[in-house]
């Protein structure tokens, strides 16, 4: 499928076929697409958690204001960001830039300093949300390309979900994605802004 057709075809689906579960090979293929998402510093500060068990999905349903497609899709993806990626991944990132961009010692040290410098919590949160949102969009298009339906969701009780998933202090749940097979006929797309409206 041409990319323009893929973009125009993707919809947020709310009615899924019940009982469908993504297999490991398909999951790996989805993440293979995501691997090539751009990110600041090439930090790639994301991870993707797949939830499929009915008992876990029921818990997520309660934490996500009872959005029914969490249960019917059969698969729920949690996009997780590391708000401390600058500190946690600094050495890996610097080594990669030294190896693949021929950074001099002074350039490498400047990069390291930029990664580990003290930032306000809101700034670190903003940085990781921006990066992980790019990866989530790649995932949505990858799913469409593989014939799967998705619905990204921002409505969830973040602190409760963080506790339920036993995430570390530095791990932030960014977005949820219901993933499965669509039960809908292709719906008419909601209106989009014109090119003129989008041009600043």
N, C-alpha and C. Protein backbone atom coordinates (compact mmCIF):
# COMPACT_ATOMS: atom_id res chain seq x y z
N UNK A 1 0.85 -1.20 0.00
CA UNK A 1 0.00 0.00 0.00
C UNK A 1 0.88 1.24 0.00
N UNK A 2 0.55 2.20 -0.86
CA UNK A 2 1.26 3.46 -0.86
C UNK A 2 1.04 4.19 0.47
N UNK A 3 2.05 4.95 0.89
CA UNK A 3 1.94 5.61 2.19
C UNK A 3 0.74 6.55 2.24
N UNK A 4 0.48 7.29 1.16
CA UNK A 4 -0.66 8.21 1.17
C UNK A 4 -1.97 7.46 1.36
N UNK A 5 -2.07 6.25 0.80
CA UNK A 5 -3.27 5.44 0.97
C UNK A 5 -3.38 4.92 2.40
N UNK A 6 -2.24 4.56 2.96
CA UNK A 6 -2.20 4.08 4.35
C UNK A 6 -2.67 5.16 5.30
N UNK A 7 -2.16 6.37 5.12
CA UNK A 7 -2.53 7.50 5.98
C UNK A 7 -4.02 7.78 5.88
N UNK A 8 -4.54 7.75 4.67
CA UNK A 8 -5.94 8.06 4.47
C UNK A 8 -6.86 6.94 4.94
N UNK A 9 -6.35 5.71 4.97
CA UNK A 9 -7.17 4.57 5.36
C UNK A 9 -7.29 4.41 6.87
N UNK A 10 -6.27 4.82 7.61
CA UNK A 10 -6.29 4.56 9.06
C UNK A 10 -7.41 5.32 9.75
N UNK A 11 -8.12 4.61 10.63
CA UNK A 11 -9.17 5.19 11.43
C UNK A 11 -8.98 4.75 12.88
N UNK A 12 -9.53 5.50 13.81
CA UNK A 12 -9.61 5.04 15.20
C UNK A 12 -10.88 4.21 15.33
N UNK A 13 -10.70 2.95 15.62
CA UNK A 13 -11.81 1.98 15.65
C UNK A 13 -12.31 1.82 17.08
N UNK A 14 -13.63 1.77 17.24
CA UNK A 14 -14.23 1.57 18.55
C UNK A 14 -14.98 0.25 18.66
N UNK A 15 -15.19 -0.41 17.53
CA UNK A 15 -15.88 -1.70 17.52
C UNK A 15 -14.97 -2.75 16.93
N UNK A 16 -14.53 -3.66 17.78
CA UNK A 16 -13.57 -4.68 17.39
C UNK A 16 -14.20 -6.07 17.40
N UNK A 17 -13.64 -6.96 16.58
CA UNK A 17 -13.99 -8.37 16.68
C UNK A 17 -13.50 -8.88 18.02
N UNK A 18 -14.33 -9.61 18.72
CA UNK A 18 -13.93 -10.12 20.04
C UNK A 18 -13.11 -11.41 19.89
N UNK A 19 -12.21 -11.60 20.83
CA UNK A 19 -11.47 -12.85 20.90
C UNK A 19 -10.17 -12.89 20.13
N UNK A 20 -9.86 -11.85 19.39
CA UNK A 20 -8.62 -11.85 18.60
C UNK A 20 -7.42 -11.50 19.48
N UNK A 21 -6.36 -12.27 19.34
CA UNK A 21 -5.11 -12.01 20.07
C UNK A 21 -3.96 -11.92 19.08
N UNK A 22 -3.16 -10.89 19.23
CA UNK A 22 -1.98 -10.73 18.38
C UNK A 22 -0.94 -11.78 18.77
N UNK A 23 -0.37 -12.47 17.78
CA UNK A 23 0.65 -13.47 18.09
C UNK A 23 2.03 -12.81 18.20
N UNK A 24 2.98 -13.58 18.70
CA UNK A 24 4.32 -13.03 18.98
C UNK A 24 5.00 -12.54 17.71
N UNK A 25 4.86 -13.27 16.61
CA UNK A 25 5.50 -12.85 15.36
C UNK A 25 4.96 -11.51 14.88
N UNK A 26 3.65 -11.33 14.98
CA UNK A 26 3.04 -10.06 14.56
C UNK A 26 3.50 -8.93 15.48
N UNK A 27 3.54 -9.21 16.78
CA UNK A 27 4.00 -8.20 17.74
C UNK A 27 5.43 -7.77 17.42
N UNK A 28 6.29 -8.74 17.13
CA UNK A 28 7.67 -8.42 16.79
C UNK A 28 7.75 -7.59 15.52
N UNK A 29 6.89 -7.89 14.56
CA UNK A 29 6.88 -7.15 13.30
C UNK A 29 6.45 -5.70 13.53
N UNK A 30 5.47 -5.50 14.40
CA UNK A 30 5.04 -4.14 14.74
C UNK A 30 6.19 -3.34 15.35
N UNK A 31 6.89 -3.96 16.28
CA UNK A 31 7.99 -3.26 16.94
C UNK A 31 9.18 -3.05 16.02
N UNK A 32 9.30 -3.89 15.00
CA UNK A 32 10.37 -3.70 14.02
C UNK A 32 10.17 -2.37 13.27
N UNK A 33 8.92 -2.03 12.99
CA UNK A 33 8.63 -0.72 12.39
C UNK A 33 9.03 0.39 13.37
N UNK A 34 8.63 0.23 14.63
CA UNK A 34 8.84 1.28 15.62
C UNK A 34 10.31 1.57 15.84
N UNK A 35 11.15 0.59 15.67
CA UNK A 35 12.59 0.76 15.88
C UNK A 35 13.18 1.91 15.07
N UNK A 36 12.55 2.25 13.96
CA UNK A 36 13.11 3.26 13.07
C UNK A 36 12.50 4.65 13.27
N UNK A 37 11.76 4.81 14.36
CA UNK A 37 11.20 6.12 14.70
C UNK A 37 12.32 7.08 15.11
N UNK A 38 12.30 8.32 14.62
CA UNK A 38 13.30 9.30 15.07
C UNK A 38 13.05 9.73 16.51
N UNK A 39 14.10 10.18 17.17
CA UNK A 39 13.96 10.67 18.54
C UNK A 39 15.10 11.63 18.85
N UNK A 40 14.86 12.54 19.78
CA UNK A 40 15.91 13.46 20.22
C UNK A 40 17.10 12.69 20.77
N UNK A 41 18.30 13.06 20.36
CA UNK A 41 19.55 12.40 20.74
C UNK A 41 19.64 10.96 20.21
N UNK A 42 18.64 10.53 19.44
CA UNK A 42 18.48 9.11 19.09
C UNK A 42 18.35 8.27 20.37
N UNK A 43 17.68 8.84 21.36
CA UNK A 43 17.58 8.19 22.67
C UNK A 43 16.61 7.01 22.69
N UNK A 44 15.56 7.07 21.86
CA UNK A 44 14.56 6.00 21.81
C UNK A 44 14.06 5.65 23.22
N UNK A 45 13.51 6.64 23.93
CA UNK A 45 13.20 6.43 25.35
C UNK A 45 11.84 5.78 25.60
N UNK A 46 11.50 4.78 24.81
CA UNK A 46 10.18 4.17 24.89
C UNK A 46 10.26 2.66 25.06
N UNK A 47 9.19 2.12 25.59
CA UNK A 47 8.97 0.68 25.56
C UNK A 47 7.47 0.47 25.36
N UNK A 48 7.12 -0.71 24.85
CA UNK A 48 5.73 -1.03 24.52
C UNK A 48 5.34 -2.31 25.27
N UNK A 49 4.32 -2.20 26.07
CA UNK A 49 3.84 -3.36 26.84
C UNK A 49 2.53 -3.86 26.25
N UNK A 50 2.45 -5.14 25.95
CA UNK A 50 1.25 -5.75 25.39
C UNK A 50 0.49 -6.49 26.50
N UNK A 51 -0.76 -6.11 26.68
CA UNK A 51 -1.63 -6.76 27.67
C UNK A 51 -2.72 -7.52 26.92
N UNK A 52 -2.86 -8.83 27.22
CA UNK A 52 -3.81 -9.66 26.50
C UNK A 52 -4.72 -10.49 27.40
N UNK A 53 -4.31 -10.75 28.62
CA UNK A 53 -5.13 -11.62 29.47
C UNK A 53 -6.43 -10.91 29.84
N UNK A 54 -7.51 -11.67 29.87
CA UNK A 54 -8.82 -11.09 30.16
C UNK A 54 -8.86 -10.43 31.53
N UNK A 55 -8.18 -11.02 32.51
CA UNK A 55 -8.20 -10.45 33.85
C UNK A 55 -7.47 -9.10 33.89
N UNK A 56 -6.34 -9.01 33.17
CA UNK A 56 -5.61 -7.75 33.13
C UNK A 56 -6.37 -6.69 32.33
N UNK A 57 -6.99 -7.12 31.24
CA UNK A 57 -7.78 -6.18 30.44
C UNK A 57 -8.95 -5.63 31.25
N UNK A 58 -9.52 -6.46 32.08
CA UNK A 58 -10.63 -6.00 32.93
C UNK A 58 -10.15 -4.93 33.90
N UNK A 59 -8.96 -5.11 34.45
CA UNK A 59 -8.39 -4.09 35.34
C UNK A 59 -8.14 -2.79 34.58
N UNK A 60 -7.60 -2.91 33.36
CA UNK A 60 -7.34 -1.72 32.56
C UNK A 60 -8.65 -1.00 32.21
N UNK A 61 -9.67 -1.78 31.93
CA UNK A 61 -10.99 -1.22 31.64
C UNK A 61 -11.48 -0.33 32.77
N UNK A 62 -11.28 -0.77 34.00
CA UNK A 62 -11.70 0.01 35.16
C UNK A 62 -10.86 1.27 35.31
N UNK A 63 -9.58 1.18 34.97
CA UNK A 63 -8.68 2.33 35.12
C UNK A 63 -8.79 3.31 33.96
N UNK A 64 -9.51 2.92 32.93
CA UNK A 64 -9.62 3.75 31.71
C UNK A 64 -11.06 4.20 31.47
N UNK A 65 -11.75 4.45 32.58
CA UNK A 65 -13.10 5.01 32.52
C UNK A 65 -14.06 4.15 31.69
N UNK A 66 -13.85 2.83 31.76
CA UNK A 66 -14.75 1.84 31.17
C UNK A 66 -14.97 2.05 29.67
N UNK A 67 -13.87 2.28 28.96
CA UNK A 67 -13.95 2.35 27.50
C UNK A 67 -14.04 0.91 26.97
N UNK A 68 -15.17 0.57 26.40
CA UNK A 68 -15.47 -0.83 26.08
C UNK A 68 -14.49 -1.48 25.11
N UNK A 69 -13.89 -0.69 24.22
CA UNK A 69 -13.00 -1.29 23.23
C UNK A 69 -11.73 -1.86 23.86
N UNK A 70 -11.45 -1.50 25.10
CA UNK A 70 -10.33 -2.13 25.80
C UNK A 70 -10.59 -3.62 25.96
N UNK A 71 -11.83 -3.97 26.23
CA UNK A 71 -12.20 -5.37 26.42
C UNK A 71 -12.39 -6.10 25.09
N UNK A 72 -13.03 -5.45 24.13
CA UNK A 72 -13.38 -6.16 22.90
C UNK A 72 -12.18 -6.32 21.96
N UNK A 73 -11.24 -5.38 21.98
CA UNK A 73 -10.11 -5.46 21.05
C UNK A 73 -9.26 -6.70 21.31
N UNK A 74 -9.16 -7.09 22.57
CA UNK A 74 -8.39 -8.28 22.92
C UNK A 74 -6.92 -8.03 23.18
N UNK A 75 -6.45 -6.85 22.81
CA UNK A 75 -5.04 -6.49 22.99
C UNK A 75 -4.97 -5.02 23.37
N UNK A 76 -4.23 -4.73 24.42
CA UNK A 76 -4.03 -3.34 24.82
C UNK A 76 -2.54 -3.07 24.91
N UNK A 77 -2.11 -2.01 24.23
CA UNK A 77 -0.69 -1.64 24.22
C UNK A 77 -0.50 -0.41 25.09
N UNK A 78 0.45 -0.49 25.99
CA UNK A 78 0.80 0.65 26.84
C UNK A 78 2.14 1.19 26.35
N UNK A 79 2.15 2.44 25.92
CA UNK A 79 3.39 3.10 25.51
C UNK A 79 3.99 3.75 26.76
N UNK A 80 5.21 3.36 27.10
CA UNK A 80 5.86 3.79 28.34
C UNK A 80 7.12 4.57 28.01
N UNK A 81 7.28 5.71 28.66
CA UNK A 81 8.48 6.52 28.44
C UNK A 81 9.35 6.61 29.68
N UNK A 82 10.65 6.73 29.47
CA UNK A 82 11.61 6.89 30.56
C UNK A 82 11.92 8.37 30.71
N UNK A 83 11.37 9.01 31.74
CA UNK A 83 11.58 10.45 31.92
C UNK A 83 13.02 10.79 32.28
N UNK A 84 13.79 9.80 32.73
CA UNK A 84 15.20 10.02 33.07
C UNK A 84 16.14 9.44 32.02
N UNK A 85 15.67 9.39 30.75
CA UNK A 85 16.50 8.77 29.72
C UNK A 85 17.85 9.47 29.58
N UNK A 86 17.90 10.77 29.84
CA UNK A 86 19.17 11.49 29.70
C UNK A 86 20.24 10.94 30.61
N UNK A 87 19.83 10.61 31.83
CA UNK A 87 20.79 10.03 32.78
C UNK A 87 20.96 8.53 32.55
N UNK A 88 19.86 7.83 32.37
CA UNK A 88 19.90 6.37 32.31
C UNK A 88 20.55 5.84 31.03
N UNK A 89 20.44 6.59 29.95
CA UNK A 89 20.93 6.10 28.66
C UNK A 89 22.14 6.89 28.15
N UNK A 90 22.68 7.76 28.96
CA UNK A 90 23.74 8.67 28.48
C UNK A 90 24.93 7.92 27.89
N UNK A 91 25.43 6.93 28.59
CA UNK A 91 26.65 6.27 28.12
C UNK A 91 26.40 5.53 26.80
N UNK A 92 25.26 4.85 26.70
CA UNK A 92 24.95 4.18 25.44
C UNK A 92 24.87 5.18 24.29
N UNK A 93 24.14 6.27 24.53
CA UNK A 93 23.94 7.28 23.48
C UNK A 93 25.27 7.88 23.04
N UNK A 94 26.10 8.25 24.00
CA UNK A 94 27.39 8.86 23.67
C UNK A 94 28.25 7.89 22.87
N UNK A 95 28.30 6.63 23.28
CA UNK A 95 29.11 5.64 22.57
C UNK A 95 28.63 5.47 21.13
N UNK A 96 27.32 5.50 20.93
CA UNK A 96 26.78 5.35 19.58
C UNK A 96 27.16 6.55 18.71
N UNK A 97 27.09 7.74 19.27
CA UNK A 97 27.46 8.92 18.50
C UNK A 97 28.96 8.93 18.20
N UNK A 98 29.75 8.45 19.13
CA UNK A 98 31.20 8.36 18.89
C UNK A 98 31.49 7.37 17.76
N UNK A 99 30.78 6.23 17.79
CA UNK A 99 31.05 5.17 16.82
C UNK A 99 30.50 5.48 15.43
N UNK A 100 29.32 6.06 15.37
CA UNK A 100 28.65 6.21 14.08
C UNK A 100 28.69 7.63 13.52
N UNK A 101 29.10 8.60 14.32
CA UNK A 101 29.21 9.97 13.84
C UNK A 101 30.61 10.55 14.05
N UNK A 102 31.53 9.67 14.44
CA UNK A 102 32.93 10.08 14.61
C UNK A 102 33.07 11.30 15.51
N UNK A 103 32.34 11.30 16.60
CA UNK A 103 32.45 12.42 17.54
C UNK A 103 33.84 12.45 18.16
N UNK A 104 34.39 13.65 18.25
CA UNK A 104 35.66 13.84 18.95
C UNK A 104 35.41 13.76 20.45
N UNK A 105 36.46 13.61 21.26
CA UNK A 105 36.27 13.59 22.72
C UNK A 105 35.54 14.83 23.23
N UNK A 106 35.83 15.98 22.67
CA UNK A 106 35.16 17.20 23.15
C UNK A 106 33.68 17.21 22.76
N UNK A 107 33.37 16.71 21.57
CA UNK A 107 31.96 16.62 21.15
C UNK A 107 31.20 15.62 22.01
N UNK A 108 31.86 14.50 22.30
CA UNK A 108 31.23 13.48 23.12
C UNK A 108 30.95 14.00 24.52
N UNK A 109 31.89 14.76 25.06
CA UNK A 109 31.70 15.31 26.40
C UNK A 109 30.58 16.35 26.41
N UNK A 110 30.48 17.13 25.35
CA UNK A 110 29.40 18.12 25.26
C UNK A 110 28.05 17.43 25.17
N UNK A 111 27.98 16.32 24.43
CA UNK A 111 26.75 15.55 24.32
C UNK A 111 26.37 14.96 25.66
N UNK A 112 27.35 14.38 26.36
CA UNK A 112 27.10 13.80 27.67
C UNK A 112 26.57 14.87 28.64
N UNK A 113 27.18 16.03 28.62
CA UNK A 113 26.75 17.10 29.51
C UNK A 113 25.32 17.53 29.21
N UNK A 114 24.96 17.57 27.94
CA UNK A 114 23.61 17.93 27.56
C UNK A 114 22.59 16.89 28.03
N UNK A 115 22.99 15.62 27.96
CA UNK A 115 22.08 14.54 28.37
C UNK A 115 21.83 14.54 29.88
N UNK A 116 22.88 14.76 30.66
CA UNK A 116 22.76 14.57 32.11
C UNK A 116 22.49 15.86 32.87
N UNK A 117 22.42 16.98 32.17
CA UNK A 117 22.22 18.24 32.89
C UNK A 117 20.88 18.23 33.63
N UNK A 118 20.83 18.94 34.72
CA UNK A 118 19.63 18.97 35.55
C UNK A 118 18.51 19.70 34.83
N UNK A 119 17.35 19.07 34.79
CA UNK A 119 16.17 19.66 34.17
C UNK A 119 14.99 19.56 35.13
N UNK A 120 14.10 20.51 35.04
CA UNK A 120 12.88 20.45 35.85
C UNK A 120 12.06 19.23 35.44
N UNK A 121 11.29 18.70 36.39
CA UNK A 121 10.48 17.51 36.11
C UNK A 121 9.54 17.73 34.94
N UNK A 122 8.94 18.93 34.84
CA UNK A 122 8.00 19.18 33.74
C UNK A 122 8.70 19.13 32.40
N UNK A 123 9.96 19.57 32.37
CA UNK A 123 10.71 19.57 31.12
C UNK A 123 11.04 18.14 30.69
N UNK A 124 11.46 17.31 31.64
CA UNK A 124 11.77 15.92 31.32
C UNK A 124 10.52 15.18 30.85
N UNK A 125 9.42 15.47 31.50
CA UNK A 125 8.14 14.86 31.11
C UNK A 125 7.76 15.28 29.69
N UNK A 126 7.91 16.55 29.41
CA UNK A 126 7.57 17.07 28.07
C UNK A 126 8.44 16.42 27.00
N UNK A 127 9.72 16.29 27.27
CA UNK A 127 10.64 15.70 26.30
C UNK A 127 10.28 14.26 25.99
N UNK A 128 9.95 13.49 27.03
CA UNK A 128 9.67 12.07 26.78
C UNK A 128 8.31 11.90 26.12
N UNK A 129 7.36 12.75 26.42
CA UNK A 129 6.05 12.67 25.75
C UNK A 129 6.20 12.94 24.26
N UNK A 130 6.98 13.95 23.92
CA UNK A 130 7.20 14.27 22.51
C UNK A 130 7.82 13.08 21.77
N UNK A 131 8.86 12.52 22.36
CA UNK A 131 9.54 11.39 21.71
C UNK A 131 8.63 10.18 21.58
N UNK A 132 7.95 9.82 22.64
CA UNK A 132 7.11 8.62 22.63
C UNK A 132 5.89 8.78 21.73
N UNK A 133 5.43 10.01 21.56
CA UNK A 133 4.30 10.24 20.66
C UNK A 133 4.68 9.93 19.22
N UNK A 134 5.93 10.23 18.85
CA UNK A 134 6.39 9.86 17.52
C UNK A 134 6.39 8.34 17.34
N UNK A 135 6.87 7.62 18.35
CA UNK A 135 6.91 6.16 18.28
C UNK A 135 5.50 5.57 18.24
N UNK A 136 4.58 6.16 18.99
CA UNK A 136 3.19 5.69 18.99
C UNK A 136 2.57 5.85 17.61
N UNK A 137 2.86 6.97 16.94
CA UNK A 137 2.31 7.18 15.60
C UNK A 137 2.87 6.16 14.62
N UNK A 138 4.15 5.85 14.73
CA UNK A 138 4.71 4.80 13.90
C UNK A 138 3.97 3.49 14.13
N UNK A 139 3.69 3.18 15.39
CA UNK A 139 2.99 1.94 15.73
C UNK A 139 1.60 1.91 15.09
N UNK A 140 0.89 3.03 15.11
CA UNK A 140 -0.46 3.08 14.53
C UNK A 140 -0.43 2.79 13.03
N UNK A 141 0.53 3.38 12.34
CA UNK A 141 0.63 3.14 10.90
C UNK A 141 1.11 1.72 10.61
N UNK A 142 2.00 1.21 11.44
CA UNK A 142 2.47 -0.18 11.27
C UNK A 142 1.31 -1.15 11.41
N UNK A 143 0.46 -0.93 12.39
CA UNK A 143 -0.69 -1.80 12.60
C UNK A 143 -1.62 -1.76 11.39
N UNK A 144 -1.86 -0.57 10.87
CA UNK A 144 -2.71 -0.44 9.68
C UNK A 144 -2.11 -1.19 8.51
N UNK A 145 -0.81 -1.09 8.34
CA UNK A 145 -0.13 -1.76 7.24
C UNK A 145 -0.26 -3.27 7.34
N UNK A 146 -0.36 -3.79 8.57
CA UNK A 146 -0.49 -5.23 8.79
C UNK A 146 -1.94 -5.68 8.85
N UNK A 147 -2.87 -4.77 8.53
CA UNK A 147 -4.28 -5.15 8.51
C UNK A 147 -4.95 -5.15 9.87
N UNK A 148 -4.34 -4.47 10.84
CA UNK A 148 -4.90 -4.41 12.19
C UNK A 148 -5.54 -3.05 12.43
N UNK A 149 -6.47 -3.02 13.37
CA UNK A 149 -7.17 -1.79 13.72
C UNK A 149 -6.67 -1.29 15.07
N UNK A 150 -6.71 0.02 15.24
CA UNK A 150 -6.22 0.62 16.48
C UNK A 150 -7.14 1.73 16.95
N UNK A 151 -7.00 2.03 18.23
CA UNK A 151 -7.64 3.22 18.79
C UNK A 151 -6.73 3.76 19.89
N UNK A 152 -6.05 4.88 19.64
CA UNK A 152 -5.21 5.48 20.69
C UNK A 152 -6.08 6.14 21.75
N UNK A 153 -5.64 6.03 23.01
CA UNK A 153 -6.44 6.55 24.13
C UNK A 153 -5.57 7.31 25.11
N UNK A 154 -6.04 8.49 25.47
CA UNK A 154 -5.36 9.30 26.49
C UNK A 154 -6.13 9.33 27.80
N UNK A 155 -7.32 8.76 27.81
CA UNK A 155 -8.17 8.79 29.01
C UNK A 155 -7.91 7.61 29.92
N UNK A 156 -7.08 7.82 30.94
CA UNK A 156 -6.84 6.77 31.94
C UNK A 156 -6.32 7.42 33.21
N UNK A 157 -6.49 6.71 34.32
CA UNK A 157 -6.03 7.21 35.61
C UNK A 157 -4.55 6.88 35.73
N UNK A 158 -3.73 7.86 35.44
CA UNK A 158 -2.30 7.61 35.24
C UNK A 158 -1.61 7.01 36.47
N UNK A 159 -1.83 7.60 37.64
CA UNK A 159 -1.14 7.10 38.83
C UNK A 159 -1.60 5.70 39.18
N UNK A 160 -2.90 5.44 39.05
CA UNK A 160 -3.42 4.10 39.35
C UNK A 160 -2.89 3.08 38.35
N UNK A 161 -2.82 3.48 37.08
CA UNK A 161 -2.31 2.57 36.06
C UNK A 161 -0.82 2.29 36.31
N UNK A 162 -0.09 3.30 36.69
CA UNK A 162 1.33 3.14 36.99
C UNK A 162 1.53 2.13 38.13
N UNK A 163 0.69 2.24 39.15
CA UNK A 163 0.78 1.29 40.27
C UNK A 163 0.39 -0.12 39.84
N UNK A 164 -0.67 -0.23 39.05
CA UNK A 164 -1.14 -1.54 38.61
C UNK A 164 -0.09 -2.27 37.78
N UNK A 165 0.62 -1.52 36.95
CA UNK A 165 1.64 -2.13 36.10
C UNK A 165 3.00 -2.24 36.80
N UNK A 166 3.06 -1.74 38.02
CA UNK A 166 4.29 -1.77 38.81
C UNK A 166 5.45 -1.11 38.06
N UNK A 167 5.16 0.06 37.50
CA UNK A 167 6.20 0.79 36.78
C UNK A 167 7.16 1.45 37.76
N UNK A 168 8.39 1.63 37.30
CA UNK A 168 9.39 2.31 38.11
C UNK A 168 9.08 3.80 38.20
N UNK A 169 9.73 4.47 39.14
CA UNK A 169 9.48 5.90 39.34
C UNK A 169 9.73 6.70 38.06
N UNK A 170 10.73 6.30 37.30
CA UNK A 170 11.09 7.04 36.08
C UNK A 170 10.22 6.69 34.87
N UNK A 171 9.36 5.68 35.01
CA UNK A 171 8.56 5.22 33.88
C UNK A 171 7.19 5.91 33.88
N UNK A 172 6.85 6.49 32.73
CA UNK A 172 5.61 7.25 32.59
C UNK A 172 4.74 6.61 31.53
N UNK A 173 3.49 6.22 31.87
CA UNK A 173 2.57 5.73 30.83
C UNK A 173 2.12 6.91 29.97
N UNK A 174 2.44 6.85 28.69
CA UNK A 174 2.21 7.97 27.77
C UNK A 174 0.86 7.87 27.08
N UNK A 175 0.56 6.68 26.60
CA UNK A 175 -0.61 6.49 25.74
C UNK A 175 -1.00 5.02 25.77
N UNK A 176 -2.29 4.75 25.62
CA UNK A 176 -2.77 3.38 25.45
C UNK A 176 -3.29 3.22 24.03
N UNK A 177 -3.12 2.03 23.49
CA UNK A 177 -3.61 1.74 22.14
C UNK A 177 -4.36 0.42 22.16
N UNK A 178 -5.68 0.48 21.88
CA UNK A 178 -6.44 -0.75 21.67
C UNK A 178 -6.05 -1.29 20.30
N UNK A 179 -5.82 -2.59 20.23
CA UNK A 179 -5.28 -3.21 19.02
C UNK A 179 -6.05 -4.49 18.72
N UNK A 180 -6.53 -4.63 17.49
CA UNK A 180 -7.27 -5.84 17.15
C UNK A 180 -7.72 -5.84 15.71
N UNK A 181 -8.86 -6.51 15.48
CA UNK A 181 -9.48 -6.58 14.16
C UNK A 181 -10.76 -5.76 14.18
N UNK A 182 -10.93 -4.91 13.17
CA UNK A 182 -12.10 -4.05 13.13
C UNK A 182 -13.36 -4.83 12.80
N UNK A 183 -14.45 -4.44 13.46
CA UNK A 183 -15.77 -5.00 13.15
C UNK A 183 -16.61 -3.97 12.39
N UNK A 184 -16.01 -2.82 12.12
CA UNK A 184 -16.74 -1.73 11.47
C UNK A 184 -16.55 -1.75 9.96
N UNK A 185 -17.62 -1.40 9.25
CA UNK A 185 -17.45 -1.03 7.85
C UNK A 185 -16.69 0.28 7.86
N UNK A 186 -15.99 0.59 6.79
CA UNK A 186 -15.20 1.81 6.78
C UNK A 186 -16.10 3.02 7.04
N UNK A 187 -15.86 3.69 8.13
CA UNK A 187 -16.69 4.84 8.51
C UNK A 187 -16.22 6.09 7.78
N UNK A 188 -17.17 6.99 7.58
CA UNK A 188 -16.80 8.28 6.99
C UNK A 188 -15.90 9.01 7.97
N UNK A 189 -14.83 9.53 7.46
CA UNK A 189 -13.88 10.22 8.33
C UNK A 189 -14.47 11.53 8.82
N UNK A 190 -14.21 11.84 10.08
CA UNK A 190 -14.61 13.13 10.60
C UNK A 190 -13.87 14.23 9.83
N UNK A 191 -14.44 15.44 9.79
CA UNK A 191 -13.82 16.50 8.98
C UNK A 191 -12.38 16.78 9.40
N UNK A 192 -11.55 17.08 8.43
CA UNK A 192 -10.16 17.44 8.67
C UNK A 192 -9.96 18.91 8.33
N UNK A 193 -9.03 19.54 8.99
CA UNK A 193 -8.70 20.92 8.66
C UNK A 193 -8.18 21.01 7.22
N UNK A 194 -8.43 22.13 6.60
CA UNK A 194 -7.90 22.35 5.26
C UNK A 194 -6.41 22.68 5.33
N UNK A 195 -5.74 22.58 4.19
CA UNK A 195 -4.34 22.96 4.13
C UNK A 195 -4.15 24.40 4.54
N UNK A 196 -5.09 25.26 4.12
CA UNK A 196 -5.00 26.67 4.47
C UNK A 196 -5.10 26.87 5.98
N UNK A 197 -5.98 26.11 6.63
CA UNK A 197 -6.14 26.23 8.07
C UNK A 197 -4.89 25.78 8.82
N UNK A 198 -4.14 24.84 8.24
CA UNK A 198 -2.96 24.30 8.90
C UNK A 198 -1.71 25.14 8.65
N UNK A 199 -1.75 25.97 7.64
CA UNK A 199 -0.56 26.75 7.28
C UNK A 199 -0.42 27.95 8.21
N UNK A 200 0.66 28.00 8.96
CA UNK A 200 0.85 29.09 9.90
C UNK A 200 1.32 30.34 9.18
